[in-house]
PDB file of N, CA and C in Angstrom:
ATOM      1  N   UNK A   1      27.730  62.620  11.596  1.00  0.00           N
ATOM      2  CA  UNK A   1      27.993  61.209  11.389  1.00  0.00           C
ATOM      3  C   UNK A   1      28.614  61.038   9.999  1.00  0.00           C
ATOM      4  N   UNK A   2      29.705  60.286   9.937  1.00  0.00           N
ATOM      5  CA  UNK A   2      30.373  60.077   8.654  1.00  0.00           C
ATOM      6  C   UNK A   2      29.631  59.043   7.805  1.00  0.00           C
ATOM      7  N   UNK A   3      30.104  58.844   6.585  1.00  0.00           N
ATOM      8  CA  UNK A   3      29.441  57.944   5.628  1.00  0.00           C
ATOM      9  C   UNK A   3      29.350  56.516   6.175  1.00  0.00           C
ATOM     10  N   UNK A   4      30.453  55.997   6.745  1.00  0.00           N
ATOM     11  CA  UNK A   4      30.432  54.645   7.302  1.00  0.00           C
ATOM     12  C   UNK A   4      29.477  54.556   8.474  1.00  0.00           C
ATOM     13  N   UNK A   5      29.450  55.577   9.308  1.00  0.00           N
ATOM     14  CA  UNK A   5      28.532  55.605  10.440  1.00  0.00           C
ATOM     15  C   UNK A   5      27.081  55.529   9.995  1.00  0.00           C
ATOM     16  N   UNK A   6      26.757  56.210   8.914  1.00  0.00           N
ATOM     17  CA  UNK A   6      25.395  56.166   8.374  1.00  0.00           C
ATOM     18  C   UNK A   6      25.033  54.780   7.856  1.00  0.00           C
ATOM     19  N   UNK A   7      25.991  54.122   7.214  1.00  0.00           N
ATOM     20  CA  UNK A   7      25.732  52.770   6.702  1.00  0.00           C
ATOM     21  C   UNK A   7      25.501  51.795   7.847  1.00  0.00           C
ATOM     22  N   UNK A   8      26.328  51.891   8.894  1.00  0.00           N
ATOM     23  CA  UNK A   8      26.140  51.020  10.058  1.00  0.00           C
ATOM     24  C   UNK A   8      24.795  51.303  10.722  1.00  0.00           C
ATOM     25  N   UNK A   9      24.442  52.563  10.843  1.00  0.00           N
ATOM     26  CA  UNK A   9      23.172  52.949  11.465  1.00  0.00           C
ATOM     27  C   UNK A   9      21.990  52.396  10.675  1.00  0.00           C
ATOM     28  N   UNK A  10      22.041  52.497   9.360  1.00  0.00           N
ATOM     29  CA  UNK A  10      20.969  51.969   8.514  1.00  0.00           C
ATOM     30  C   UNK A  10      20.839  50.460   8.698  1.00  0.00           C
ATOM     31  N   UNK A  11      21.965  49.763   8.786  1.00  0.00           N
ATOM     32  CA  UNK A  11      21.932  48.312   8.978  1.00  0.00           C
ATOM     33  C   UNK A  11      21.326  47.952  10.328  1.00  0.00           C
ATOM     34  N   UNK A  12      21.642  48.724  11.358  1.00  0.00           N
ATOM     35  CA  UNK A  12      21.086  48.470  12.690  1.00  0.00           C
ATOM     36  C   UNK A  12      19.587  48.699  12.723  1.00  0.00           C
ATOM     37  N   UNK A  13      19.097  49.618  11.914  1.00  0.00           N
ATOM     38  CA  UNK A  13      17.666  49.898  11.858  1.00  0.00           C
ATOM     39  C   UNK A  13      16.898  48.843  11.073  1.00  0.00           C
ATOM     40  N   UNK A  14      17.631  47.932  10.457  1.00  0.00           N
ATOM     41  CA  UNK A  14      16.975  46.856   9.727  1.00  0.00           C
ATOM     42  C   UNK A  14      16.826  47.102   8.246  1.00  0.00           C
ATOM     43  N   UNK A  15      17.610  48.006   7.712  1.00  0.00           N
ATOM     44  CA  UNK A  15      17.572  48.237   6.266  1.00  0.00           C
ATOM     45  C   UNK A  15      17.877  46.923   5.552  1.00  0.00           C
ATOM     46  N   UNK A  16      17.251  46.724   4.425  1.00  0.00           N
ATOM     47  CA  UNK A  16      17.480  45.501   3.650  1.00  0.00           C
ATOM     48  C   UNK A  16      18.895  45.522   3.084  1.00  0.00           C
ATOM     49  N   UNK A  17      19.720  44.609   3.581  1.00  0.00           N
ATOM     50  CA  UNK A  17      21.078  44.482   3.057  1.00  0.00           C
ATOM     51  C   UNK A  17      21.346  43.003   2.792  1.00  0.00           C
ATOM     52  N   UNK A  18      22.314  42.759   1.934  1.00  0.00           N
ATOM     53  CA  UNK A  18      22.703  41.381   1.627  1.00  0.00           C
ATOM     54  C   UNK A  18      23.140  40.696   2.918  1.00  0.00           C
ATOM     55  N   UNK A  19      22.729  39.428   3.095  1.00  0.00           N
ATOM     56  CA  UNK A  19      23.027  38.704   4.329  1.00  0.00           C
ATOM     57  C   UNK A  19      23.533  37.303   4.012  1.00  0.00           C
ATOM     58  N   UNK A  20      24.550  36.901   4.760  1.00  0.00           N
ATOM     59  CA  UNK A  20      25.092  35.554   4.668  1.00  0.00           C
ATOM     60  C   UNK A  20      24.996  34.915   6.042  1.00  0.00           C
ATOM     61  N   UNK A  21      24.221  33.839   6.162  1.00  0.00           N
ATOM     62  CA  UNK A  21      24.061  33.124   7.432  1.00  0.00           C
ATOM     63  C   UNK A  21      24.953  31.887   7.417  1.00  0.00           C
ATOM     64  N   UNK A  22      25.914  31.846   8.327  1.00  0.00           N
ATOM     65  CA  UNK A  22      26.886  30.759   8.367  1.00  0.00           C
ATOM     66  C   UNK A  22      26.639  29.766   9.499  1.00  0.00           C
ATOM     67  N   UNK A  23      25.459  29.818  10.121  1.00  0.00           N
ATOM     68  CA  UNK A  23      25.125  28.851  11.167  1.00  0.00           C
ATOM     69  C   UNK A  23      25.263  27.426  10.642  1.00  0.00           C
ATOM     70  N   UNK A  24      25.883  26.569  11.432  1.00  0.00           N
ATOM     71  CA  UNK A  24      25.956  25.161  11.082  1.00  0.00           C
ATOM     72  C   UNK A  24      27.109  24.767  10.177  1.00  0.00           C
ATOM     73  N   UNK A  25      27.893  25.721   9.730  1.00  0.00           N
ATOM     74  CA  UNK A  25      29.029  25.398   8.867  1.00  0.00           C
ATOM     75  C   UNK A  25      30.297  25.243   9.690  1.00  0.00           C
ATOM     76  N   UNK A  26      31.171  24.356   9.241  1.00  0.00           N
ATOM     77  CA  UNK A  26      32.508  24.262   9.820  1.00  0.00           C
ATOM     78  C   UNK A  26      33.309  25.460   9.330  1.00  0.00           C
ATOM     79  N   UNK A  27      34.349  25.868  10.076  1.00  0.00           N
ATOM     80  CA  UNK A  27      35.115  27.058   9.680  1.00  0.00           C
ATOM     81  C   UNK A  27      35.613  27.045   8.237  1.00  0.00           C
ATOM     82  N   UNK A  28      36.141  25.928   7.758  1.00  0.00           N
ATOM     83  CA  UNK A  28      36.644  25.899   6.380  1.00  0.00           C
ATOM     84  C   UNK A  28      35.516  26.078   5.361  1.00  0.00           C
ATOM     85  N   UNK A  29      34.349  25.508   5.651  1.00  0.00           N
ATOM     86  CA  UNK A  29      33.187  25.674   4.772  1.00  0.00           C
ATOM     87  C   UNK A  29      32.713  27.131   4.800  1.00  0.00           C
ATOM     88  N   UNK A  30      32.701  27.711   6.006  1.00  0.00           N
ATOM     89  CA  UNK A  30      32.237  29.090   6.174  1.00  0.00           C
ATOM     90  C   UNK A  30      33.150  30.067   5.433  1.00  0.00           C
ATOM     91  N   UNK A  31      34.451  29.830   5.481  1.00  0.00           N
ATOM     92  CA  UNK A  31      35.388  30.710   4.773  1.00  0.00           C
ATOM     93  C   UNK A  31      35.179  30.645   3.265  1.00  0.00           C
ATOM     94  N   UNK A  32      34.889  29.459   2.755  1.00  0.00           N
ATOM     95  CA  UNK A  32      34.609  29.312   1.329  1.00  0.00           C
ATOM     96  C   UNK A  32      33.342  30.070   0.949  1.00  0.00           C
ATOM     97  N   UNK A  33      32.292  29.921   1.760  1.00  0.00           N
ATOM     98  CA  UNK A  33      31.027  30.637   1.508  1.00  0.00           C
ATOM     99  C   UNK A  33      31.247  32.147   1.583  1.00  0.00           C
ATOM    100  N   UNK A  34      32.055  32.593   2.554  1.00  0.00           N
ATOM    101  CA  UNK A  34      32.330  34.018   2.711  1.00  0.00           C
ATOM    102  C   UNK A  34      33.054  34.574   1.480  1.00  0.00           C
ATOM    103  N   UNK A  35      34.035  33.847   0.977  1.00  0.00           N
ATOM    104  CA  UNK A  35      34.753  34.288  -0.227  1.00  0.00           C
ATOM    105  C   UNK A  35      33.796  34.493  -1.397  1.00  0.00           C
ATOM    106  N   UNK A  36      32.923  33.536  -1.608  1.00  0.00           N
ATOM    107  CA  UNK A  36      31.945  33.623  -2.704  1.00  0.00           C
ATOM    108  C   UNK A  36      31.004  34.794  -2.490  1.00  0.00           C
ATOM    109  N   UNK A  37      30.516  34.955  -1.264  1.00  0.00           N
ATOM    110  CA  UNK A  37      29.585  36.031  -0.926  1.00  0.00           C
ATOM    111  C   UNK A  37      30.218  37.403  -1.155  1.00  0.00           C
ATOM    112  N   UNK A  38      31.449  37.586  -0.689  1.00  0.00           N
ATOM    113  CA  UNK A  38      32.137  38.864  -0.871  1.00  0.00           C
ATOM    114  C   UNK A  38      32.323  39.146  -2.362  1.00  0.00           C
ATOM    115  N   UNK A  39      32.738  38.147  -3.119  1.00  0.00           N
ATOM    116  CA  UNK A  39      32.909  38.316  -4.559  1.00  0.00           C
ATOM    117  C   UNK A  39      31.589  38.757  -5.207  1.00  0.00           C
ATOM    118  N   UNK A  40      30.479  38.101  -4.836  1.00  0.00           N
ATOM    119  CA  UNK A  40      29.177  38.448  -5.405  1.00  0.00           C
ATOM    120  C   UNK A  40      28.757  39.869  -5.021  1.00  0.00           C
ATOM    121  N   UNK A  41      29.029  40.259  -3.791  1.00  0.00           N
ATOM    122  CA  UNK A  41      28.691  41.620  -3.351  1.00  0.00           C
ATOM    123  C   UNK A  41      29.471  42.665  -4.137  1.00  0.00           C
ATOM    124  N   UNK A  42      30.748  42.411  -4.345  1.00  0.00           N
ATOM    125  CA  UNK A  42      31.580  43.341  -5.111  1.00  0.00           C
ATOM    126  C   UNK A  42      31.084  43.413  -6.553  1.00  0.00           C
ATOM    127  N   UNK A  43      30.760  42.274  -7.140  1.00  0.00           N
ATOM    128  CA  UNK A  43      30.251  42.237  -8.511  1.00  0.00           C
ATOM    129  C   UNK A  43      28.951  43.035  -8.660  1.00  0.00           C
ATOM    130  N   UNK A  44      28.118  43.031  -7.620  1.00  0.00           N
ATOM    131  CA  UNK A  44      26.819  43.709  -7.667  1.00  0.00           C
ATOM    132  C   UNK A  44      26.880  45.136  -7.116  1.00  0.00           C
ATOM    133  N   UNK A  45      28.084  45.612  -6.802  1.00  0.00           N
ATOM    134  CA  UNK A  45      28.264  46.966  -6.245  1.00  0.00           C
ATOM    135  C   UNK A  45      27.504  47.187  -4.941  1.00  0.00           C
ATOM    136  N   UNK A  46      27.429  46.171  -4.119  1.00  0.00           N
ATOM    137  CA  UNK A  46      26.797  46.287  -2.809  1.00  0.00           C
ATOM    138  C   UNK A  46      27.731  47.090  -1.906  1.00  0.00           C
ATOM    139  N   UNK A  47      27.180  48.012  -1.120  1.00  0.00           N
ATOM    140  CA  UNK A  47      28.074  48.805  -0.269  1.00  0.00           C
ATOM    141  C   UNK A  47      28.118  48.328   1.180  1.00  0.00           C
ATOM    142  N   UNK A  48      27.183  47.450   1.583  1.00  0.00           N
ATOM    143  CA  UNK A  48      27.218  46.879   2.937  1.00  0.00           C
ATOM    144  C   UNK A  48      26.509  45.531   2.935  1.00  0.00           C
ATOM    145  N   UNK A  49      26.897  44.682   3.883  1.00  0.00           N
ATOM    146  CA  UNK A  49      26.310  43.351   3.995  1.00  0.00           C
ATOM    147  C   UNK A  49      26.410  42.874   5.439  1.00  0.00           C
ATOM    148  N   UNK A  50      25.586  41.908   5.786  1.00  0.00           N
ATOM    149  CA  UNK A  50      25.598  41.329   7.135  1.00  0.00           C
ATOM    150  C   UNK A  50      26.086  39.888   7.040  1.00  0.00           C
ATOM    151  N   UNK A  51      26.972  39.520   7.960  1.00  0.00           N
ATOM    152  CA  UNK A  51      27.465  38.154   8.090  1.00  0.00           C
ATOM    153  C   UNK A  51      26.999  37.649   9.448  1.00  0.00           C
ATOM    154  N   UNK A  52      26.258  36.543   9.458  1.00  0.00           N
ATOM    155  CA  UNK A  52      25.776  35.953  10.709  1.00  0.00           C
ATOM    156  C   UNK A  52      26.588  34.699  10.991  1.00  0.00           C
ATOM    157  N   UNK A  53      27.247  34.679  12.140  1.00  0.00           N
ATOM    158  CA  UNK A  53      28.051  33.513  12.518  1.00  0.00           C
ATOM    159  C   UNK A  53      27.586  32.901  13.830  1.00  0.00           C
ATOM    160  N   UNK A  54      26.708  33.550  14.541  1.00  0.00           N
ATOM    161  CA  UNK A  54      26.148  33.010  15.774  1.00  0.00           C
ATOM    162  C   UNK A  54      27.091  33.113  16.961  1.00  0.00           C
ATOM    163  N   UNK A  55      26.665  32.542  18.076  1.00  0.00           N
ATOM    164  CA  UNK A  55      27.448  32.584  19.309  1.00  0.00           C
ATOM    165  C   UNK A  55      28.328  31.365  19.443  1.00  0.00           C
ATOM    166  N   UNK A  56      27.770  30.287  19.918  1.00  0.00           N
ATOM    167  CA  UNK A  56      28.490  29.019  20.028  1.00  0.00           C
ATOM    168  C   UNK A  56      29.798  29.112  20.779  1.00  0.00           C
ATOM    169  N   UNK A  57      30.803  28.411  20.293  1.00  0.00           N
ATOM    170  CA  UNK A  57      32.106  28.360  20.956  1.00  0.00           C
ATOM    171  C   UNK A  57      32.977  29.564  20.614  1.00  0.00           C
ATOM    172  N   UNK A  58      32.628  30.291  19.582  1.00  0.00           N
ATOM    173  CA  UNK A  58      33.399  31.452  19.173  1.00  0.00           C
ATOM    174  C   UNK A  58      34.421  31.164  18.092  1.00  0.00           C
ATOM    175  N   UNK A  59      34.600  29.909  17.735  1.00  0.00           N
ATOM    176  CA  UNK A  59      35.584  29.544  16.706  1.00  0.00           C
ATOM    177  C   UNK A  59      35.206  30.124  15.345  1.00  0.00           C
ATOM    178  N   UNK A  60      33.933  30.008  14.981  1.00  0.00           N
ATOM    179  CA  UNK A  60      33.483  30.535  13.694  1.00  0.00           C
ATOM    180  C   UNK A  60      33.657  32.060  13.661  1.00  0.00           C
ATOM    181  N   UNK A  61      33.299  32.724  14.744  1.00  0.00           N
ATOM    182  CA  UNK A  61      33.481  34.178  14.847  1.00  0.00           C
ATOM    183  C   UNK A  61      34.946  34.537  14.622  1.00  0.00           C
ATOM    184  N   UNK A  62      35.819  33.812  15.261  1.00  0.00           N
ATOM    185  CA  UNK A  62      37.255  34.073  15.185  1.00  0.00           C
ATOM    186  C   UNK A  62      37.781  33.989  13.744  1.00  0.00           C
ATOM    187  N   UNK A  63      37.435  32.915  13.043  1.00  0.00           N
ATOM    188  CA  UNK A  63      37.951  32.756  11.679  1.00  0.00           C
ATOM    189  C   UNK A  63      37.302  33.746  10.708  1.00  0.00           C
ATOM    190  N   UNK A  64      36.023  34.034  10.899  1.00  0.00           N
ATOM    191  CA  UNK A  64      35.328  34.973  10.008  1.00  0.00           C
ATOM    192  C   UNK A  64      35.893  36.378  10.184  1.00  0.00           C
ATOM    193  N   UNK A  65      36.038  36.829  11.427  1.00  0.00           N
ATOM    194  CA  UNK A  65      36.580  38.166  11.651  1.00  0.00           C
ATOM    195  C   UNK A  65      38.031  38.267  11.188  1.00  0.00           C
ATOM    196  N   UNK A  66      38.796  37.197  11.348  1.00  0.00           N
ATOM    197  CA  UNK A  66      40.162  37.182  10.840  1.00  0.00           C
ATOM    198  C   UNK A  66      40.203  37.381   9.338  1.00  0.00           C
ATOM    199  N   UNK A  67      39.313  36.700   8.645  1.00  0.00           N
ATOM    200  CA  UNK A  67      39.236  36.820   7.177  1.00  0.00           C
ATOM    201  C   UNK A  67      38.786  38.224   6.776  1.00  0.00           C
ATOM    202  N   UNK A  68      37.798  38.764   7.484  1.00  0.00           N
ATOM    203  CA  UNK A  68      37.288  40.097   7.186  1.00  0.00           C
ATOM    204  C   UNK A  68      38.391  41.141   7.343  1.00  0.00           C
ATOM    205  N   UNK A  69      39.190  41.011   8.396  1.00  0.00           N
ATOM    206  CA  UNK A  69      40.268  41.973   8.647  1.00  0.00           C
ATOM    207  C   UNK A  69      41.334  41.925   7.566  1.00  0.00           C
ATOM    208  N   UNK A  70      41.528  40.759   6.954  1.00  0.00           N
ATOM    209  CA  UNK A  70      42.554  40.589   5.922  1.00  0.00           C
ATOM    210  C   UNK A  70      42.046  40.848   4.504  1.00  0.00           C
ATOM    211  N   UNK A  71      40.764  41.034   4.336  1.00  0.00           N
ATOM    212  CA  UNK A  71      40.173  41.197   3.002  1.00  0.00           C
ATOM    213  C   UNK A  71      40.288  42.655   2.545  1.00  0.00           C
ATOM    214  N   UNK A  72      40.981  42.868   1.449  1.00  0.00           N
ATOM    215  CA  UNK A  72      41.257  44.232   0.990  1.00  0.00           C
ATOM    216  C   UNK A  72      40.023  44.989   0.486  1.00  0.00           C
ATOM    217  N   UNK A  73      38.987  44.291   0.044  1.00  0.00           N
ATOM    218  CA  UNK A  73      37.797  44.988  -0.473  1.00  0.00           C
ATOM    219  C   UNK A  73      36.831  45.396   0.632  1.00  0.00           C
ATOM    220  N   UNK A  74      37.010  44.854   1.839  1.00  0.00           N
ATOM    221  CA  UNK A  74      36.169  45.231   2.974  1.00  0.00           C
ATOM    222  C   UNK A  74      36.845  46.401   3.681  1.00  0.00           C
ATOM    223  N   UNK A  75      36.168  47.548   3.692  1.00  0.00           N
ATOM    224  CA  UNK A  75      36.771  48.768   4.223  1.00  0.00           C
ATOM    225  C   UNK A  75      36.567  48.937   5.721  1.00  0.00           C
ATOM    226  N   UNK A  76      35.507  48.342   6.269  1.00  0.00           N
ATOM    227  CA  UNK A  76      35.214  48.482   7.696  1.00  0.00           C
ATOM    228  C   UNK A  76      34.222  47.415   8.097  1.00  0.00           C
ATOM    229  N   UNK A  77      34.133  47.149   9.390  1.00  0.00           N
ATOM    230  CA  UNK A  77      33.141  46.203   9.892  1.00  0.00           C
ATOM    231  C   UNK A  77      32.757  46.603  11.312  1.00  0.00           C
ATOM    232  N   UNK A  78      31.595  46.136  11.736  1.00  0.00           N
ATOM    233  CA  UNK A  78      31.111  46.396  13.090  1.00  0.00           C
ATOM    234  C   UNK A  78      30.391  45.152  13.574  1.00  0.00           C
ATOM    235  N   UNK A  79      30.800  44.663  14.746  1.00  0.00           N
ATOM    236  CA  UNK A  79      30.162  43.473  15.319  1.00  0.00           C
ATOM    237  C   UNK A  79      28.840  43.828  15.961  1.00  0.00           C
ATOM    238  N   UNK A  80      27.922  42.862  15.941  1.00  0.00           N
ATOM    239  CA  UNK A  80      26.598  43.055  16.508  1.00  0.00           C
ATOM    240  C   UNK A  80      26.103  41.767  17.155  1.00  0.00           C
ATOM    241  N   UNK A  81      26.817  41.223  18.129  1.00  0.00           N
ATOM    242  CA  UNK A  81      26.368  40.041  18.859  1.00  0.00           C
ATOM    243  C   UNK A  81      25.974  38.891  17.990  1.00  0.00           C
ATOM    244  N   UNK A  82      26.900  38.057  17.576  1.00  0.00           N
ATOM    245  CA  UNK A  82      26.606  36.904  16.738  1.00  0.00           C
ATOM    246  C   UNK A  82      26.592  37.187  15.262  1.00  0.00           C
ATOM    247  N   UNK A  83      26.844  38.449  14.909  1.00  0.00           N
ATOM    248  CA  UNK A  83      26.921  38.825  13.505  1.00  0.00           C
ATOM    249  C   UNK A  83      27.781  40.075  13.376  1.00  0.00           C
ATOM    250  N   UNK A  84      28.011  40.480  12.144  1.00  0.00           N
ATOM    251  CA  UNK A  84      28.703  41.741  11.913  1.00  0.00           C
ATOM    252  C   UNK A  84      28.202  42.328  10.597  1.00  0.00           C
ATOM    253  N   UNK A  85      28.345  43.626  10.492  1.00  0.00           N
ATOM    254  CA  UNK A  85      28.030  44.327   9.251  1.00  0.00           C
ATOM    255  C   UNK A  85      29.355  44.725   8.638  1.00  0.00           C
ATOM    256  N   UNK A  86      29.518  44.442   7.362  1.00  0.00           N
ATOM    257  CA  UNK A  86      30.752  44.807   6.657  1.00  0.00           C
ATOM    258  C   UNK A  86      30.438  45.872   5.619  1.00  0.00           C
ATOM    259  N   UNK A  87      31.418  46.733   5.375  1.00  0.00           N
ATOM    260  CA  UNK A  87      31.283  47.773   4.362  1.00  0.00           C
ATOM    261  C   UNK A  87      32.336  47.547   3.290  1.00  0.00           C
ATOM    262  N   UNK A  88      31.948  47.841   2.059  1.00  0.00           N
ATOM    263  CA  UNK A  88      32.860  47.693   0.915  1.00  0.00           C
ATOM    264  C   UNK A  88      33.311  49.058   0.441  1.00  0.00           C
TER     265      UNK A  88
END
């Protein structure tokens, strides 16, 4: 298992990682919160984090994953039903 695989596995087992819960936010609000969260994670040298966006209509998932894919400091991500784990 490679380094990223180990990080994803640890997150799935419930390892304590930084978490951002975006339930109840509109997409524009959620993107602002995500930007701040990513900046804080990078500042603290965090190597993985969880983003919770929930199920719902899928709009929040769509905008969050779009932002994650375009973010240069996020090296990889893995979805987990209503949330995703990101790696820096």
